[in-house]
Amino acid sequence: MTAKHIAWFSFKGDVSDARIEEHLAAVRSVVELVPDVLAIECGRSYTDRAGGLTHCILVTLPNRAALPRYLEHPKHVPIAEALVADISELRVIDLDLED
């Protein structure tokens, strides 16, 4: 069974497109920096069905026990803190999924 950590969010209005791309590139780099991360996907929604939220991050972990190790990993924390500083609204869900 794998675990998914899913965050969907919108950026503050004054955050530039270039800054958003920097954030997304940093998020994508986590797969190389944090051993428990099996995959990371992120991007902008192409519809308006998320109630004003515009972006999403999908993190695949080997199991639910890996979530706190991922969240607290010293390579993840500064990337997450920088991202959250530019976010106006954030929602998160964590799931166990059958393989």
N, C-alpha and C. Protein backbone atom coordinates (compact mmCIF):
# COMPACT_ATOMS: atom_id res chain seq x y z
N MET A 1 0.85 -1.18 0.00
CA MET A 1 0.00 0.00 0.00
C MET A 1 0.89 1.24 0.00
N THR A 2 0.64 2.16 -0.90
CA THR A 2 1.37 3.43 -0.91
C THR A 2 0.52 4.50 -0.24
N ALA A 3 1.15 5.59 0.06
CA ALA A 3 0.46 6.73 0.64
C ALA A 3 0.61 7.92 -0.29
N LYS A 4 -0.42 8.75 -0.33
CA LYS A 4 -0.40 9.99 -1.10
C LYS A 4 -0.58 11.16 -0.15
N HIS A 5 0.25 12.14 -0.31
CA HIS A 5 0.12 13.42 0.40
C HIS A 5 -0.25 14.42 -0.68
N ILE A 6 -1.42 15.01 -0.56
CA ILE A 6 -1.94 15.90 -1.60
C ILE A 6 -2.21 17.27 -1.00
N ALA A 7 -1.63 18.28 -1.61
CA ALA A 7 -1.87 19.66 -1.20
C ALA A 7 -2.40 20.43 -2.40
N TRP A 8 -3.46 21.16 -2.20
CA TRP A 8 -3.94 22.03 -3.25
C TRP A 8 -4.12 23.41 -2.66
N PHE A 9 -3.83 24.43 -3.47
CA PHE A 9 -3.64 25.77 -2.91
C PHE A 9 -3.74 26.82 -3.99
N SER A 10 -3.76 28.08 -3.55
CA SER A 10 -3.66 29.21 -4.47
C SER A 10 -2.60 30.17 -3.93
N PHE A 11 -1.93 30.82 -4.84
CA PHE A 11 -0.89 31.77 -4.47
C PHE A 11 -1.50 33.14 -4.18
N LYS A 12 -0.80 33.92 -3.38
CA LYS A 12 -1.20 35.31 -3.14
C LYS A 12 -1.17 36.06 -4.47
N GLY A 13 -2.01 37.06 -4.59
CA GLY A 13 -2.15 37.79 -5.85
C GLY A 13 -0.91 38.48 -6.35
N ASP A 14 0.02 38.83 -5.47
CA ASP A 14 1.21 39.55 -5.89
C ASP A 14 2.40 38.65 -6.21
N VAL A 15 2.19 37.34 -6.20
CA VAL A 15 3.27 36.39 -6.51
C VAL A 15 3.38 36.27 -8.03
N SER A 16 4.55 36.54 -8.55
CA SER A 16 4.76 36.53 -10.01
C SER A 16 4.76 35.11 -10.57
N ASP A 17 4.50 35.01 -11.86
CA ASP A 17 4.56 33.71 -12.53
C ASP A 17 5.96 33.09 -12.41
N ALA A 18 6.98 33.93 -12.49
CA ALA A 18 8.35 33.42 -12.36
C ALA A 18 8.59 32.84 -10.97
N ARG A 19 8.08 33.49 -9.94
CA ARG A 19 8.23 32.99 -8.57
C ARG A 19 7.47 31.68 -8.40
N ILE A 20 6.30 31.60 -8.98
CA ILE A 20 5.52 30.36 -8.93
C ILE A 20 6.31 29.22 -9.57
N GLU A 21 6.91 29.47 -10.71
CA GLU A 21 7.71 28.44 -11.37
C GLU A 21 8.91 28.03 -10.52
N GLU A 22 9.52 28.99 -9.83
CA GLU A 22 10.62 28.67 -8.91
C GLU A 22 10.14 27.72 -7.81
N HIS A 23 8.96 28.03 -7.26
CA HIS A 23 8.40 27.16 -6.21
C HIS A 23 8.16 25.74 -6.75
N LEU A 24 7.55 25.64 -7.92
CA LEU A 24 7.23 24.33 -8.47
C LEU A 24 8.50 23.54 -8.79
N ALA A 25 9.53 24.22 -9.28
CA ALA A 25 10.80 23.54 -9.55
C ALA A 25 11.42 23.04 -8.23
N ALA A 26 11.34 23.85 -7.19
CA ALA A 26 11.87 23.42 -5.89
C ALA A 26 11.10 22.22 -5.37
N VAL A 27 9.79 22.25 -5.51
CA VAL A 27 8.96 21.11 -5.07
C VAL A 27 9.38 19.86 -5.84
N ARG A 28 9.53 19.96 -7.14
CA ARG A 28 9.92 18.79 -7.95
C ARG A 28 11.27 18.24 -7.53
N SER A 29 12.15 19.08 -7.03
CA SER A 29 13.49 18.63 -6.63
C SER A 29 13.47 17.75 -5.39
N VAL A 30 12.40 17.80 -4.62
CA VAL A 30 12.33 17.05 -3.37
C VAL A 30 12.46 15.55 -3.61
N VAL A 31 12.02 15.08 -4.76
CA VAL A 31 12.11 13.64 -5.06
C VAL A 31 13.57 13.18 -5.05
N GLU A 32 14.49 14.06 -5.35
CA GLU A 32 15.92 13.73 -5.32
C GLU A 32 16.56 13.98 -3.96
N LEU A 33 15.87 14.70 -3.10
CA LEU A 33 16.45 15.14 -1.83
C LEU A 33 15.97 14.35 -0.61
N VAL A 34 14.78 13.78 -0.69
CA VAL A 34 14.18 13.10 0.46
C VAL A 34 13.99 11.63 0.10
N PRO A 35 14.70 10.73 0.76
CA PRO A 35 14.69 9.31 0.38
C PRO A 35 13.31 8.65 0.37
N ASP A 36 12.41 9.06 1.25
CA ASP A 36 11.09 8.41 1.31
C ASP A 36 10.17 8.79 0.15
N VAL A 37 10.49 9.82 -0.59
CA VAL A 37 9.61 10.28 -1.67
C VAL A 37 9.84 9.43 -2.91
N LEU A 38 8.78 8.73 -3.33
CA LEU A 38 8.86 7.91 -4.54
C LEU A 38 8.60 8.73 -5.79
N ALA A 39 7.71 9.72 -5.69
CA ALA A 39 7.38 10.57 -6.84
C ALA A 39 6.74 11.85 -6.34
N ILE A 40 6.93 12.91 -7.11
CA ILE A 40 6.23 14.18 -6.87
C ILE A 40 5.75 14.70 -8.21
N GLU A 41 4.49 15.10 -8.22
CA GLU A 41 3.89 15.75 -9.38
C GLU A 41 3.26 17.04 -8.89
N CYS A 42 3.38 18.10 -9.68
CA CYS A 42 2.76 19.35 -9.28
C CYS A 42 2.48 20.19 -10.51
N GLY A 43 1.54 21.10 -10.36
CA GLY A 43 1.22 21.98 -11.46
C GLY A 43 -0.03 22.79 -11.21
N ARG A 44 -0.40 23.53 -12.24
CA ARG A 44 -1.56 24.42 -12.21
C ARG A 44 -2.78 23.70 -12.78
N SER A 45 -3.92 23.94 -12.19
CA SER A 45 -5.17 23.39 -12.71
C SER A 45 -5.53 24.07 -14.03
N TYR A 46 -6.05 23.31 -14.95
CA TYR A 46 -6.49 23.90 -16.21
C TYR A 46 -8.01 24.13 -16.23
N THR A 47 -8.68 23.90 -15.09
CA THR A 47 -10.10 24.22 -14.96
C THR A 47 -10.29 25.11 -13.73
N ASP A 48 -11.50 25.57 -13.53
CA ASP A 48 -11.81 26.39 -12.36
C ASP A 48 -12.69 25.62 -11.37
N ARG A 49 -12.57 24.31 -11.33
CA ARG A 49 -13.45 23.46 -10.52
C ARG A 49 -12.97 23.28 -9.08
N ALA A 50 -11.88 23.91 -8.68
CA ALA A 50 -11.31 23.69 -7.35
C ALA A 50 -11.66 24.82 -6.38
N GLY A 51 -12.72 25.53 -6.63
CA GLY A 51 -13.16 26.55 -5.70
C GLY A 51 -12.17 27.66 -5.46
N GLY A 52 -11.47 28.07 -6.50
CA GLY A 52 -10.49 29.15 -6.38
C GLY A 52 -9.06 28.68 -6.14
N LEU A 53 -8.88 27.41 -5.82
CA LEU A 53 -7.52 26.88 -5.66
C LEU A 53 -6.95 26.60 -7.05
N THR A 54 -5.70 26.92 -7.25
CA THR A 54 -5.15 26.92 -8.60
C THR A 54 -4.05 25.89 -8.85
N HIS A 55 -3.42 25.40 -7.81
CA HIS A 55 -2.27 24.51 -7.96
C HIS A 55 -2.39 23.29 -7.05
N CYS A 56 -1.65 22.23 -7.40
CA CYS A 56 -1.70 21.01 -6.61
C CYS A 56 -0.33 20.34 -6.60
N ILE A 57 -0.04 19.70 -5.47
CA ILE A 57 1.15 18.87 -5.33
C ILE A 57 0.70 17.48 -4.91
N LEU A 58 1.18 16.45 -5.62
CA LEU A 58 0.89 15.06 -5.29
C LEU A 58 2.21 14.38 -4.95
N VAL A 59 2.31 13.90 -3.72
CA VAL A 59 3.53 13.24 -3.27
C VAL A 59 3.20 11.77 -3.02
N THR A 60 3.97 10.87 -3.63
CA THR A 60 3.80 9.43 -3.41
C THR A 60 4.89 8.96 -2.45
N LEU A 61 4.43 8.31 -1.39
CA LEU A 61 5.30 7.78 -0.35
C LEU A 61 5.11 6.27 -0.26
N PRO A 62 6.07 5.53 0.26
CA PRO A 62 5.93 4.08 0.30
C PRO A 62 4.84 3.60 1.26
N ASN A 63 4.55 4.39 2.29
CA ASN A 63 3.53 4.01 3.28
C ASN A 63 3.25 5.22 4.16
N ARG A 64 2.25 5.10 5.01
CA ARG A 64 1.87 6.24 5.85
C ARG A 64 2.95 6.59 6.88
N ALA A 65 3.75 5.63 7.28
CA ALA A 65 4.82 5.90 8.25
C ALA A 65 5.86 6.87 7.69
N ALA A 66 5.95 6.97 6.38
CA ALA A 66 6.92 7.86 5.75
C ALA A 66 6.49 9.33 5.79
N LEU A 67 5.22 9.60 6.02
CA LEU A 67 4.74 10.99 5.98
C LEU A 67 5.46 11.89 6.97
N PRO A 68 5.54 11.57 8.26
CA PRO A 68 6.26 12.48 9.15
C PRO A 68 7.74 12.63 8.81
N ARG A 69 8.36 11.58 8.32
CA ARG A 69 9.77 11.68 7.92
C ARG A 69 9.92 12.66 6.76
N TYR A 70 9.00 12.60 5.81
CA TYR A 70 8.99 13.53 4.67
C TYR A 70 8.75 14.96 5.15
N LEU A 71 7.70 15.16 5.94
CA LEU A 71 7.33 16.51 6.37
C LEU A 71 8.42 17.16 7.21
N GLU A 72 9.15 16.38 7.98
CA GLU A 72 10.17 16.92 8.89
C GLU A 72 11.58 16.85 8.32
N HIS A 73 11.73 16.34 7.12
CA HIS A 73 13.07 16.19 6.54
C HIS A 73 13.71 17.58 6.34
N PRO A 74 14.98 17.74 6.73
CA PRO A 74 15.61 19.06 6.65
C PRO A 74 15.76 19.61 5.23
N LYS A 75 15.66 18.79 4.21
CA LYS A 75 15.69 19.28 2.83
C LYS A 75 14.29 19.72 2.37
N HIS A 76 13.24 19.15 2.98
CA HIS A 76 11.87 19.51 2.63
C HIS A 76 11.41 20.79 3.34
N VAL A 77 11.78 20.94 4.60
CA VAL A 77 11.25 22.03 5.42
C VAL A 77 11.45 23.41 4.80
N PRO A 78 12.66 23.81 4.36
CA PRO A 78 12.80 25.17 3.82
C PRO A 78 12.03 25.37 2.51
N ILE A 79 11.91 24.33 1.71
CA ILE A 79 11.13 24.43 0.47
C ILE A 79 9.66 24.65 0.81
N ALA A 80 9.15 23.90 1.77
CA ALA A 80 7.75 24.04 2.19
C ALA A 80 7.50 25.40 2.83
N GLU A 81 8.39 25.85 3.67
CA GLU A 81 8.21 27.14 4.33
C GLU A 81 8.18 28.28 3.33
N ALA A 82 9.06 28.25 2.34
CA ALA A 82 9.08 29.29 1.31
C ALA A 82 7.78 29.28 0.51
N LEU A 83 7.31 28.08 0.17
CA LEU A 83 6.07 27.95 -0.59
C LEU A 83 4.90 28.49 0.22
N VAL A 84 4.77 28.07 1.45
CA VAL A 84 3.64 28.48 2.30
C VAL A 84 3.62 30.00 2.49
N ALA A 85 4.78 30.64 2.52
CA ALA A 85 4.84 32.09 2.67
C ALA A 85 4.16 32.82 1.51
N ASP A 86 4.09 32.18 0.34
CA ASP A 86 3.49 32.80 -0.84
C ASP A 86 2.09 32.28 -1.15
N ILE A 87 1.52 31.48 -0.26
CA ILE A 87 0.21 30.87 -0.48
C ILE A 87 -0.86 31.63 0.28
N SER A 88 -2.01 31.83 -0.38
CA SER A 88 -3.12 32.50 0.29
C SER A 88 -4.12 31.51 0.89
N GLU A 89 -4.23 30.33 0.29
CA GLU A 89 -5.14 29.31 0.81
C GLU A 89 -4.55 27.94 0.53
N LEU A 90 -4.66 27.04 1.51
CA LEU A 90 -4.06 25.71 1.42
C LEU A 90 -5.00 24.67 2.00
N ARG A 91 -5.11 23.57 1.29
CA ARG A 91 -5.83 22.39 1.79
C ARG A 91 -4.93 21.18 1.59
N VAL A 92 -4.98 20.25 2.54
CA VAL A 92 -4.14 19.05 2.47
C VAL A 92 -4.97 17.84 2.83
N ILE A 93 -4.70 16.73 2.14
CA ILE A 93 -5.30 15.44 2.48
C ILE A 93 -4.21 14.38 2.32
N ASP A 94 -4.27 13.36 3.16
CA ASP A 94 -3.32 12.26 3.11
C ASP A 94 -4.11 10.96 2.99
N LEU A 95 -3.72 10.10 2.05
CA LEU A 95 -4.47 8.90 1.73
C LEU A 95 -3.58 7.67 1.71
N ASP A 96 -4.14 6.54 2.12
CA ASP A 96 -3.55 5.22 1.86
C ASP A 96 -4.20 4.68 0.59
N LEU A 97 -3.40 4.18 -0.34
CA LEU A 97 -3.94 3.65 -1.59
C LEU A 97 -3.46 2.23 -1.80
N GLU A 98 -4.35 1.39 -2.25
CA GLU A 98 -3.99 0.01 -2.59
C GLU A 98 -3.10 0.03 -3.82
N ASP A 99 -2.10 -0.81 -3.85
CA ASP A 99 -1.22 -0.91 -5.02
C ASP A 99 -1.91 -1.63 -6.16
